[in-house]
Amino acid sequence: MLRAFIKDQRGATAIEYALIASLVSIFVIGALTMFEAGFTDLFQYISDNISTELSSGGG
């Protein structure tokens, strides 16, 4: 019974995919965290320019 359990490979692929998905998500979250300040500044710049344009009467 123990030998059959050790030789069973059915769950190995699912575990490998879960590990890969978790590593990818960790890298994505890390990258977004590193660029958070840049994105905040970019959106603030866009917001300020839109507000200025709208308050001055537009194009």
PDB file of N, CA and C in Angstrom:
ATOM      1  N   MET A   1       0.820  -1.178   0.000  1.00  0.00           N
ATOM      2  CA  MET A   1       0.000   0.000   0.000  1.00  0.00           C
ATOM      3  C   MET A   1       0.878   1.261   0.000  1.00  0.00           C
ATOM      4  N   LEU A   2       1.923   1.297   0.802  1.00  0.00           N
ATOM      5  CA  LEU A   2       2.814   2.445   0.852  1.00  0.00           C
ATOM      6  C   LEU A   2       3.555   2.614  -0.472  1.00  0.00           C
ATOM      7  N   ARG A   3       3.962   1.513  -1.083  1.00  0.00           N
ATOM      8  CA  ARG A   3       4.645   1.586  -2.381  1.00  0.00           C
ATOM      9  C   ARG A   3       3.730   2.163  -3.450  1.00  0.00           C
ATOM     10  N   ALA A   4       2.473   1.768  -3.428  1.00  0.00           N
ATOM     11  CA  ALA A   4       1.518   2.295  -4.405  1.00  0.00           C
ATOM     12  C   ALA A   4       1.323   3.799  -4.199  1.00  0.00           C
ATOM     13  N   PHE A   5       1.291   4.221  -2.960  1.00  0.00           N
ATOM     14  CA  PHE A   5       1.131   5.639  -2.654  1.00  0.00           C
ATOM     15  C   PHE A   5       2.339   6.441  -3.142  1.00  0.00           C
ATOM     16  N   ILE A   6       3.534   5.921  -2.948  1.00  0.00           N
ATOM     17  CA  ILE A   6       4.752   6.616  -3.358  1.00  0.00           C
ATOM     18  C   ILE A   6       4.846   6.706  -4.883  1.00  0.00           C
ATOM     19  N   LYS A   7       4.426   5.661  -5.592  1.00  0.00           N
ATOM     20  CA  LYS A   7       4.494   5.643  -7.051  1.00  0.00           C
ATOM     21  C   LYS A   7       3.379   6.448  -7.707  1.00  0.00           C
ATOM     22  N   ASP A   8       2.357   6.787  -6.965  1.00  0.00           N
ATOM     23  CA  ASP A   8       1.215   7.531  -7.529  1.00  0.00           C
ATOM     24  C   ASP A   8       1.642   8.951  -7.889  1.00  0.00           C
ATOM     25  N   GLN A   9       1.481   9.342  -9.148  1.00  0.00           N
ATOM     26  CA  GLN A   9       1.899  10.647  -9.639  1.00  0.00           C
ATOM     27  C   GLN A   9       0.720  11.546 -10.018  1.00  0.00           C
ATOM     28  N   ARG A  10      -0.501  11.157  -9.696  1.00  0.00           N
ATOM     29  CA  ARG A  10      -1.671  11.893 -10.185  1.00  0.00           C
ATOM     30  C   ARG A  10      -1.742  13.322  -9.672  1.00  0.00           C
ATOM     31  N   GLY A  11      -1.359  13.587  -8.463  1.00  0.00           N
ATOM     32  CA  GLY A  11      -1.470  14.932  -7.914  1.00  0.00           C
ATOM     33  C   GLY A  11      -0.244  15.797  -8.142  1.00  0.00           C
ATOM     34  N   ALA A  12       0.821  15.230  -8.685  1.00  0.00           N
ATOM     35  CA  ALA A  12       2.069  15.973  -8.845  1.00  0.00           C
ATOM     36  C   ALA A  12       1.918  17.149  -9.799  1.00  0.00           C
ATOM     37  N   THR A  13       1.225  16.954 -10.895  1.00  0.00           N
ATOM     38  CA  THR A  13       1.071  18.023 -11.877  1.00  0.00           C
ATOM     39  C   THR A  13       0.285  19.191 -11.293  1.00  0.00           C
ATOM     40  N   ALA A  14      -0.777  18.917 -10.582  1.00  0.00           N
ATOM     41  CA  ALA A  14      -1.573  19.985  -9.982  1.00  0.00           C
ATOM     42  C   ALA A  14      -0.748  20.770  -8.969  1.00  0.00           C
ATOM     43  N   ILE A  15       0.056  20.086  -8.203  1.00  0.00           N
ATOM     44  CA  ILE A  15       0.905  20.760  -7.221  1.00  0.00           C
ATOM     45  C   ILE A  15       1.949  21.623  -7.922  1.00  0.00           C
ATOM     46  N   GLU A  16       2.531  21.122  -9.010  1.00  0.00           N
ATOM     47  CA  GLU A  16       3.516  21.899  -9.757  1.00  0.00           C
ATOM     48  C   GLU A  16       2.887  23.169 -10.326  1.00  0.00           C
ATOM     49  N   TYR A  17       1.698  23.040 -10.892  1.00  0.00           N
ATOM     50  CA  TYR A  17       1.019  24.215 -11.434  1.00  0.00           C
ATOM     51  C   TYR A  17       0.674  25.211 -10.328  1.00  0.00           C
ATOM     52  N   ALA A  18       0.287  24.735  -9.183  1.00  0.00           N
ATOM     53  CA  ALA A  18      -0.022  25.619  -8.062  1.00  0.00           C
ATOM     54  C   ALA A  18       1.232  26.365  -7.599  1.00  0.00           C
ATOM     55  N   LEU A  19       2.354  25.686  -7.558  1.00  0.00           N
ATOM     56  CA  LEU A  19       3.603  26.345  -7.168  1.00  0.00           C
ATOM     57  C   LEU A  19       4.018  27.400  -8.189  1.00  0.00           C
ATOM     58  N   ILE A  20       3.885  27.087  -9.471  1.00  0.00           N
ATOM     59  CA  ILE A  20       4.221  28.053 -10.517  1.00  0.00           C
ATOM     60  C   ILE A  20       3.306  29.267 -10.430  1.00  0.00           C
ATOM     61  N   ALA A  21       2.009  29.034 -10.257  1.00  0.00           N
ATOM     62  CA  ALA A  21       1.056  30.146 -10.162  1.00  0.00           C
ATOM     63  C   ALA A  21       1.353  31.015  -8.948  1.00  0.00           C
ATOM     64  N   SER A  22       1.715  30.410  -7.834  1.00  0.00           N
ATOM     65  CA  SER A  22       2.016  31.204  -6.642  1.00  0.00           C
ATOM     66  C   SER A  22       3.285  32.028  -6.831  1.00  0.00           C
ATOM     67  N   LEU A  23       4.299  31.470  -7.482  1.00  0.00           N
ATOM     68  CA  LEU A  23       5.517  32.235  -7.740  1.00  0.00           C
ATOM     69  C   LEU A  23       5.252  33.397  -8.690  1.00  0.00           C
ATOM     70  N   VAL A  24       4.474  33.162  -9.728  1.00  0.00           N
ATOM     71  CA  VAL A  24       4.142  34.233 -10.667  1.00  0.00           C
ATOM     72  C   VAL A  24       3.382  35.346  -9.950  1.00  0.00           C
ATOM     73  N   SER A  25       2.428  34.978  -9.106  1.00  0.00           N
ATOM     74  CA  SER A  25       1.661  35.998  -8.393  1.00  0.00           C
ATOM     75  C   SER A  25       2.543  36.787  -7.432  1.00  0.00           C
ATOM     76  N   ILE A  26       3.502  36.150  -6.804  1.00  0.00           N
ATOM     77  CA  ILE A  26       4.426  36.852  -5.913  1.00  0.00           C
ATOM     78  C   ILE A  26       5.245  37.875  -6.700  1.00  0.00           C
ATOM     79  N   PHE A  27       5.724  37.490  -7.894  1.00  0.00           N
ATOM     80  CA  PHE A  27       6.504  38.416  -8.708  1.00  0.00           C
ATOM     81  C   PHE A  27       5.647  39.572  -9.217  1.00  0.00           C
ATOM     82  N   VAL A  28       4.410  39.307  -9.592  1.00  0.00           N
ATOM     83  CA  VAL A  28       3.526  40.366 -10.073  1.00  0.00           C
ATOM     84  C   VAL A  28       3.227  41.357  -8.947  1.00  0.00           C
ATOM     85  N   ILE A  29       2.916  40.852  -7.780  1.00  0.00           N
ATOM     86  CA  ILE A  29       2.643  41.736  -6.636  1.00  0.00           C
ATOM     87  C   ILE A  29       3.886  42.546  -6.282  1.00  0.00           C
ATOM     88  N   GLY A  30       5.035  41.918  -6.316  1.00  0.00           N
ATOM     89  CA  GLY A  30       6.284  42.640  -6.035  1.00  0.00           C
ATOM     90  C   GLY A  30       6.550  43.733  -7.051  1.00  0.00           C
ATOM     91  N   ALA A  31       6.328  43.456  -8.322  1.00  0.00           N
ATOM     92  CA  ALA A  31       6.545  44.462  -9.365  1.00  0.00           C
ATOM     93  C   ALA A  31       5.566  45.623  -9.210  1.00  0.00           C
ATOM     94  N   LEU A  32       4.314  45.321  -8.938  1.00  0.00           N
ATOM     95  CA  LEU A  32       3.328  46.391  -8.758  1.00  0.00           C
ATOM     96  C   LEU A  32       3.656  47.243  -7.543  1.00  0.00           C
ATOM     97  N   THR A  33       4.170  46.634  -6.509  1.00  0.00           N
ATOM     98  CA  THR A  33       4.552  47.370  -5.308  1.00  0.00           C
ATOM     99  C   THR A  33       5.734  48.296  -5.596  1.00  0.00           C
ATOM    100  N   MET A  34       6.691  47.815  -6.385  1.00  0.00           N
ATOM    101  CA  MET A  34       7.854  48.637  -6.719  1.00  0.00           C
ATOM    102  C   MET A  34       7.460  49.848  -7.562  1.00  0.00           C
ATOM    103  N   PHE A  35       6.509  49.682  -8.461  1.00  0.00           N
ATOM    104  CA  PHE A  35       6.124  50.763  -9.366  1.00  0.00           C
ATOM    105  C   PHE A  35       4.929  51.560  -8.869  1.00  0.00           C
ATOM    106  N   GLU A  36       4.492  51.323  -7.652  1.00  0.00           N
ATOM    107  CA  GLU A  36       3.301  51.989  -7.110  1.00  0.00           C
ATOM    108  C   GLU A  36       3.455  53.508  -7.094  1.00  0.00           C
ATOM    109  N   ALA A  37       4.583  53.995  -6.653  1.00  0.00           N
ATOM    110  CA  ALA A  37       4.792  55.443  -6.583  1.00  0.00           C
ATOM    111  C   ALA A  37       4.764  56.060  -7.973  1.00  0.00           C
ATOM    112  N   GLY A  38       5.358  55.391  -8.931  1.00  0.00           N
ATOM    113  CA  GLY A  38       5.350  55.894 -10.296  1.00  0.00           C
ATOM    114  C   GLY A  38       3.952  55.963 -10.871  1.00  0.00           C
ATOM    115  N   PHE A  39       3.158  54.938 -10.625  1.00  0.00           N
ATOM    116  CA  PHE A  39       1.778  54.939 -11.109  1.00  0.00           C
ATOM    117  C   PHE A  39       0.961  56.030 -10.419  1.00  0.00           C
ATOM    118  N   THR A  40       1.171  56.206  -9.134  1.00  0.00           N
ATOM    119  CA  THR A  40       0.450  57.245  -8.396  1.00  0.00           C
ATOM    120  C   THR A  40       0.775  58.627  -8.955  1.00  0.00           C
ATOM    121  N   ASP A  41       2.062  58.869  -9.204  1.00  0.00           N
ATOM    122  CA  ASP A  41       2.469  60.155  -9.770  1.00  0.00           C
ATOM    123  C   ASP A  41       1.889  60.361 -11.165  1.00  0.00           C
ATOM    124  N   LEU A  42       1.894  59.319 -11.974  1.00  0.00           N
ATOM    125  CA  LEU A  42       1.354  59.413 -13.327  1.00  0.00           C
ATOM    126  C   LEU A  42      -0.134  59.754 -13.309  1.00  0.00           C
ATOM    127  N   PHE A  43      -0.897  59.054 -12.488  1.00  0.00           N
ATOM    128  CA  PHE A  43      -2.335  59.309 -12.427  1.00  0.00           C
ATOM    129  C   PHE A  43      -2.631  60.681 -11.837  1.00  0.00           C
ATOM    130  N   GLN A  44      -1.821  61.127 -10.894  1.00  0.00           N
ATOM    131  CA  GLN A  44      -1.997  62.465 -10.335  1.00  0.00           C
ATOM    132  C   GLN A  44      -1.710  63.526 -11.394  1.00  0.00           C
ATOM    133  N   TYR A  45      -0.676  63.331 -12.188  1.00  0.00           N
ATOM    134  CA  TYR A  45      -0.336  64.248 -13.271  1.00  0.00           C
ATOM    135  C   TYR A  45      -1.479  64.337 -14.283  1.00  0.00           C
ATOM    136  N   ILE A  46      -2.024  63.197 -14.672  1.00  0.00           N
ATOM    137  CA  ILE A  46      -3.145  63.167 -15.614  1.00  0.00           C
ATOM    138  C   ILE A  46      -4.356  63.873 -15.010  1.00  0.00           C
ATOM    139  N   SER A  47      -4.645  63.582 -13.768  1.00  0.00           N
ATOM    140  CA  SER A  47      -5.785  64.199 -13.095  1.00  0.00           C
ATOM    141  C   SER A  47      -5.631  65.711 -13.000  1.00  0.00           C
ATOM    142  N   ASP A  48      -4.438  66.176 -12.654  1.00  0.00           N
ATOM    143  CA  ASP A  48      -4.193  67.618 -12.553  1.00  0.00           C
ATOM    144  C   ASP A  48      -4.379  68.299 -13.902  1.00  0.00           C
ATOM    145  N   ASN A  49      -3.875  67.689 -14.967  1.00  0.00           N
ATOM    146  CA  ASN A  49      -3.997  68.287 -16.294  1.00  0.00           C
ATOM    147  C   ASN A  49      -5.438  68.303 -16.773  1.00  0.00           C
ATOM    148  N   ILE A  50      -6.185  67.266 -16.487  1.00  0.00           N
ATOM    149  CA  ILE A  50      -7.591  67.245 -16.876  1.00  0.00           C
ATOM    150  C   ILE A  50      -8.354  68.310 -16.106  1.00  0.00           C
ATOM    151  N   SER A  51      -8.089  68.422 -14.808  1.00  0.00           N
ATOM    152  CA  SER A  51      -8.758  69.434 -13.989  1.00  0.00           C
ATOM    153  C   SER A  51      -8.441  70.838 -14.483  1.00  0.00           C
ATOM    154  N   THR A  52      -7.175  71.093 -14.814  1.00  0.00           N
ATOM    155  CA  THR A  52      -6.776  72.412 -15.309  1.00  0.00           C
ATOM    156  C   THR A  52      -7.452  72.713 -16.633  1.00  0.00           C
ATOM    157  N   GLU A  53      -7.500  71.748 -17.507  1.00  0.00           N
ATOM    158  CA  GLU A  53      -8.113  71.934 -18.817  1.00  0.00           C
ATOM    159  C   GLU A  53      -9.619  72.187 -18.698  1.00  0.00           C
ATOM    160  N   LEU A  54     -10.257  71.438 -17.812  1.00  0.00           N
ATOM    161  CA  LEU A  54     -11.702  71.633 -17.639  1.00  0.00           C
ATOM    162  C   LEU A  54     -12.032  72.977 -16.990  1.00  0.00           C
ATOM    163  N   SER A  55     -11.194  73.420 -16.062  1.00  0.00           N
ATOM    164  CA  SER A  55     -11.485  74.688 -15.380  1.00  0.00           C
ATOM    165  C   SER A  55     -11.176  75.885 -16.274  1.00  0.00           C
ATOM    166  N   SER A  56     -10.281  75.708 -17.269  1.00  0.00           N
ATOM    167  CA  SER A  56      -9.955  76.823 -18.161  1.00  0.00           C
ATOM    168  C   SER A  56     -10.896  76.885 -19.371  1.00  0.00           C
ATOM    169  N   GLY A  57     -11.839  75.996 -19.459  1.00  0.00           N
ATOM    170  CA  GLY A  57     -12.821  76.050 -20.534  1.00  0.00           C
ATOM    171  C   GLY A  57     -12.587  75.060 -21.650  1.00  0.00           C
ATOM    172  N   GLY A  58     -11.574  74.252 -21.541  1.00  0.00           N
ATOM    173  CA  GLY A  58     -11.345  73.225 -22.554  1.00  0.00           C
ATOM    174  C   GLY A  58     -10.635  73.770 -23.781  1.00  0.00           C
ATOM    175  N   GLY A  59     -10.384  72.854 -24.730  1.00  0.00           N
ATOM    176  CA  GLY A  59      -9.657  73.013 -25.943  1.00  0.00           C
ATOM    177  C   GLY A  59      -9.701  74.230 -26.670  1.00  0.00           C
TER     178      GLY A  59
END
